[in-house]
Protein backbone atom coordinates (compact mmCIF):
# COMPACT_ATOMS: atom_id res chain seq x y z
CA UNK A 1 6.45 -73.62 14.30
CA UNK A 2 3.77 -70.97 14.89
CA UNK A 3 4.65 -67.27 14.66
CA UNK A 4 1.92 -66.19 17.13
CA UNK A 5 2.71 -63.09 19.18
CA UNK A 6 3.45 -63.64 22.85
CA UNK A 7 0.42 -62.95 25.02
CA UNK A 8 1.05 -60.23 27.64
CA UNK A 9 -1.07 -60.48 30.79
CA UNK A 10 -2.32 -57.76 33.10
CA UNK A 11 0.14 -57.08 35.89
CA UNK A 12 -2.58 -55.79 38.23
CA UNK A 13 -4.75 -58.91 38.15
CA UNK A 14 -4.34 -61.57 40.84
CA UNK A 15 -1.69 -64.16 40.00
CA UNK A 16 -4.28 -66.94 39.76
CA UNK A 17 -6.66 -64.98 37.51
CA UNK A 18 -4.63 -62.82 35.15
CA UNK A 19 -6.38 -61.47 32.10
CA UNK A 20 -4.76 -60.48 28.78
CA UNK A 21 -3.45 -56.91 28.83
CA UNK A 22 -5.11 -54.32 26.59
CA UNK A 23 -2.65 -51.45 26.92
CA UNK A 24 0.62 -50.65 28.61
CA UNK A 25 1.37 -47.38 30.42
CA UNK A 26 4.81 -46.10 29.50
CA UNK A 27 4.95 -43.97 32.63
CA UNK A 28 3.90 -46.68 35.07
CA UNK A 29 5.71 -49.35 33.03
CA UNK A 30 2.87 -51.82 33.58
CA UNK A 31 0.45 -53.67 31.29
CA UNK A 32 -3.26 -53.54 32.17
CA UNK A 33 -6.42 -55.38 31.17
CA UNK A 34 -9.62 -53.54 30.21
CA UNK A 35 -10.81 -53.40 33.83
CA UNK A 36 -7.61 -52.00 35.34
CA UNK A 37 -7.11 -49.64 32.39
CA UNK A 38 -10.22 -47.60 33.23
CA UNK A 39 -8.39 -45.32 35.67
CA UNK A 40 -5.95 -44.22 32.95
CA UNK A 41 -8.82 -43.65 30.53
CA UNK A 42 -11.07 -41.66 32.85
CA UNK A 43 -8.60 -39.58 34.87
CA UNK A 44 -7.67 -36.37 32.98
CA UNK A 45 -4.22 -36.09 34.59
CA UNK A 46 -3.33 -39.66 33.69
CA UNK A 47 -4.62 -39.19 30.17
CA UNK A 48 -2.30 -36.21 29.69
CA UNK A 49 0.83 -37.47 31.41
CA UNK A 50 0.71 -41.26 31.08
CA UNK A 51 1.06 -42.31 27.43
CA UNK A 52 -0.42 -45.67 26.52
CA UNK A 53 0.87 -48.12 23.97
CA UNK A 54 0.35 -51.70 22.84
CA UNK A 55 1.31 -54.18 25.56
CA UNK A 56 4.73 -55.78 25.24
CA UNK A 57 6.74 -58.03 27.47
CA UNK A 58 9.22 -55.79 29.25
CA UNK A 59 12.80 -56.91 29.06
CA UNK A 60 16.34 -55.64 28.67
CA UNK A 61 15.62 -54.57 25.09
CA UNK A 62 12.89 -52.12 26.23
CA UNK A 63 14.85 -50.46 29.02
CA UNK A 64 17.74 -48.02 28.95
CA UNK A 65 20.97 -49.90 29.69
CA UNK A 66 22.38 -46.81 31.42
CA UNK A 67 19.46 -45.70 33.59
CA UNK A 68 17.31 -48.83 33.70
CA UNK A 69 14.24 -46.84 32.66
CA UNK A 70 11.75 -47.59 29.92
CA UNK A 71 12.77 -46.40 26.46
CA UNK A 72 10.16 -43.78 25.58
CA UNK A 73 11.78 -41.47 23.02
CA UNK A 74 13.69 -41.61 19.81
CA UNK A 75 16.67 -39.36 19.13
CA UNK A 76 16.57 -38.32 15.46
CA UNK A 77 20.12 -36.97 15.62
CA UNK A 78 21.65 -40.26 16.78
CA UNK A 79 18.84 -42.50 15.48
CA UNK A 80 18.63 -44.20 18.88
CA UNK A 81 15.96 -45.08 21.45
CA UNK A 82 16.43 -43.27 24.76
CA UNK A 83 14.74 -42.98 28.14
CA UNK A 84 13.52 -39.79 29.80
CA UNK A 85 16.77 -39.38 31.76
CA UNK A 86 18.80 -39.57 28.55
CA UNK A 87 16.51 -36.98 26.97
CA UNK A 88 16.74 -34.34 29.71
CA UNK A 89 20.00 -35.00 31.52
CA UNK A 90 22.65 -36.70 29.39
CA UNK A 91 24.15 -36.41 25.90
CA UNK A 92 20.79 -36.32 24.14
CA UNK A 93 19.34 -33.30 25.98
CA UNK A 94 20.05 -30.86 23.12
CA UNK A 95 19.12 -33.30 20.38
CA UNK A 96 15.97 -33.58 18.31
CA UNK A 97 13.83 -35.87 20.48
CA UNK A 98 10.50 -37.36 19.44
CA UNK A 99 8.09 -39.89 20.83
CA UNK A 100 8.11 -43.22 19.06
CA UNK A 101 4.87 -42.54 17.20
CA UNK A 102 5.95 -39.06 16.06
CA UNK A 103 9.41 -40.27 15.10
CA UNK A 104 7.90 -43.15 13.15
CA UNK A 105 5.59 -40.78 11.27
CA UNK A 106 8.37 -38.31 10.43
CA UNK A 107 10.78 -41.03 9.37
CA UNK A 108 8.15 -42.60 7.13
CA UNK A 109 7.42 -39.22 5.52
CA UNK A 110 11.14 -38.66 5.00
CA UNK A 111 11.46 -42.14 3.55
CA UNK A 112 8.63 -41.45 1.09
CA UNK A 113 10.26 -38.18 -0.01
CA UNK A 114 13.66 -39.84 -0.46
CA UNK A 115 12.06 -42.72 -2.32
CA UNK A 116 10.33 -40.32 -4.73
CA UNK A 117 13.57 -38.39 -5.24
CA UNK A 118 15.45 -41.62 -5.89
CA UNK A 119 12.74 -42.80 -8.27
CA UNK A 120 12.83 -39.48 -10.12
CA UNK A 121 16.62 -39.62 -10.37
CA UNK A 122 16.42 -43.20 -11.63
CA UNK A 123 13.94 -42.15 -14.31
CA UNK A 124 16.20 -39.25 -15.32
CA UNK A 125 19.20 -41.58 -15.45
CA UNK A 126 17.21 -44.03 -17.56
CA UNK A 127 16.18 -41.23 -19.93
CA UNK A 128 19.80 -40.05 -20.16
CA UNK A 129 20.93 -43.60 -20.85
CA UNK A 130 18.27 -44.05 -23.53
CA UNK A 131 19.29 -40.72 -25.07
CA UNK A 132 22.96 -41.75 -25.04
CA UNK A 133 22.15 -45.12 -26.59
CA UNK A 134 20.01 -43.44 -29.26
CA UNK A 135 22.85 -41.06 -30.08
CA UNK A 136 25.30 -43.93 -30.36
CA UNK A 137 22.94 -45.88 -32.63
CA UNK A 138 22.45 -42.85 -34.88
CA UNK A 139 26.20 -42.22 -35.03
CA UNK A 140 26.83 -45.86 -35.89
CA UNK A 141 24.15 -45.76 -38.57
CA UNK A 142 25.67 -42.63 -40.11
CA UNK A 143 29.12 -44.23 -40.06
CA UNK A 144 27.73 -47.29 -41.85
CA UNK A 145 26.08 -45.09 -44.50
CA UNK A 146 29.31 -43.15 -45.07
CA UNK A 147 31.27 -46.39 -45.32
CA UNK A 148 28.88 -47.80 -47.94
CA UNK A 149 29.07 -44.55 -49.91
CA UNK A 150 32.87 -44.61 -49.78
CA UNK A 151 32.97 -48.22 -51.01
CA UNK A 152 30.55 -47.43 -53.84
CA UNK A 153 32.56 -44.36 -54.85
CA UNK A 154 35.78 -46.37 -54.82
CA UNK A 155 34.16 -49.10 -56.91
CA UNK A 156 32.83 -46.58 -59.44
CA UNK A 157 36.22 -44.86 -59.60
CA UNK A 158 38.02 -48.16 -60.18
CA UNK A 159 35.51 -49.21 -62.85
CA UNK A 160 35.86 -45.87 -64.63
CA UNK A 161 39.63 -46.14 -64.52
CA UNK A 162 39.57 -49.65 -65.98
CA UNK A 163 37.14 -48.63 -68.71
CA UNK A 164 39.29 -45.64 -69.62
CA UNK A 165 42.41 -47.82 -69.75
CA UNK A 166 40.71 -50.41 -71.98
CA UNK A 167 39.35 -47.73 -74.31
CA UNK A 168 42.77 -46.11 -74.61
CA UNK A 169 44.33 -49.50 -75.35
CA UNK A 170 41.78 -50.28 -78.07
CA UNK A 171 42.35 -46.89 -79.70
CA UNK A 172 46.10 -47.53 -79.61
CA UNK A 173 45.67 -50.96 -81.23
CA UNK A 174 43.41 -49.60 -84.00
CA UNK A 175 45.81 -46.75 -84.63
CA UNK A 176 48.78 -49.11 -84.87
CA UNK A 177 46.92 -51.45 -87.29
CA UNK A 178 45.96 -48.59 -89.55
CA UNK A 179 49.53 -47.34 -89.56
CA UNK A 180 50.84 -50.76 -90.62
CA UNK A 181 48.33 -51.06 -93.50
CA UNK A 182 49.04 -47.57 -94.77
CA UNK A 183 52.79 -48.20 -94.56
CA UNK A 184 52.60 -51.39 -96.63
CA UNK A 185 50.50 -49.74 -99.31
CA UNK A 186 52.86 -46.81 -99.39
CA UNK A 187 55.83 -49.10 -99.95
CA UNK A 188 54.13 -50.66 -102.97
CA UNK A 189 53.37 -47.29 -104.43
CA UNK A 190 56.90 -46.01 -103.90
CA UNK A 191 58.68 -49.06 -105.53
CA UNK A 192 57.68 -49.15 -109.30
CA UNK A 193 61.12 -50.37 -110.33
CA UNK A 194 60.66 -53.56 -108.34
CA UNK A 195 57.27 -54.12 -109.97
CA UNK A 196 58.73 -53.70 -113.50
CA UNK A 197 61.50 -56.22 -112.86
CA UNK A 198 58.97 -58.71 -111.65
CA UNK A 199 56.83 -58.28 -114.77
CA UNK A 200 59.86 -58.74 -117.09
CA UNK A 201 60.84 -61.94 -115.37
CA UNK A 202 57.33 -63.31 -115.65
CA UNK A 203 57.09 -62.49 -119.38
CA UNK A 204 60.41 -64.10 -120.13
CA UNK A 205 59.45 -67.23 -118.29
CA UNK A 206 56.22 -67.50 -120.24
CA UNK A 207 58.09 -67.15 -123.58
CA UNK A 208 60.52 -69.88 -122.70
CA UNK A 209 57.72 -72.24 -121.80
CA UNK A 210 55.97 -71.53 -125.12
CA UNK A 211 59.13 -72.24 -127.18
CA UNK A 212 59.89 -75.52 -125.53
CA UNK A 213 59.15 -78.55 -127.75
CA UNK A 214 58.08 -81.78 -126.16
CA UNK A 215 59.39 -85.01 -127.92
CA UNK A 216 56.96 -87.18 -129.90
């Protein structure tokens, strides 16, 4: 289906020969073709007091539901479209009233400012987040380094302890072996009587063997 805009015809042309409207007078609330628009373009009073806009099909959406008049202004306090009666007589009379074009311009400028502020805040938040993440990464890296150092120190300490224990054990074994050898030698030196008895027995045995006569 086509999305073409609805054509608005001049309300001052004859019914059988209506031409497309060029502008619409908000004061007169009528749409006019180029020919019938000339009076509004050439009369100074009309130029000053009768604002023109793009032609639109008038309906309930373009008129004030309370006063039945064309919606010509925008209330910035209530963010609502109002008619002239609303602007000067009713609840909007002390509010910040603007024409549609002025209100649109101011709202767009405000939107741009808010968008820039939001963008700046987003960039600051992103920088803060990156800074926080960097800090966390550095802290984690330092923790890992300290953990590795602690493990290495513990390993070196354990290895040193084992080496010291083995060395002490070897010294103890060598000391004990030397003590045993020295003790045995000392016993031999301190027992000459036992050595003499042994020699006497051996000599006697040898003599007996020599005196023994074997039969022929």
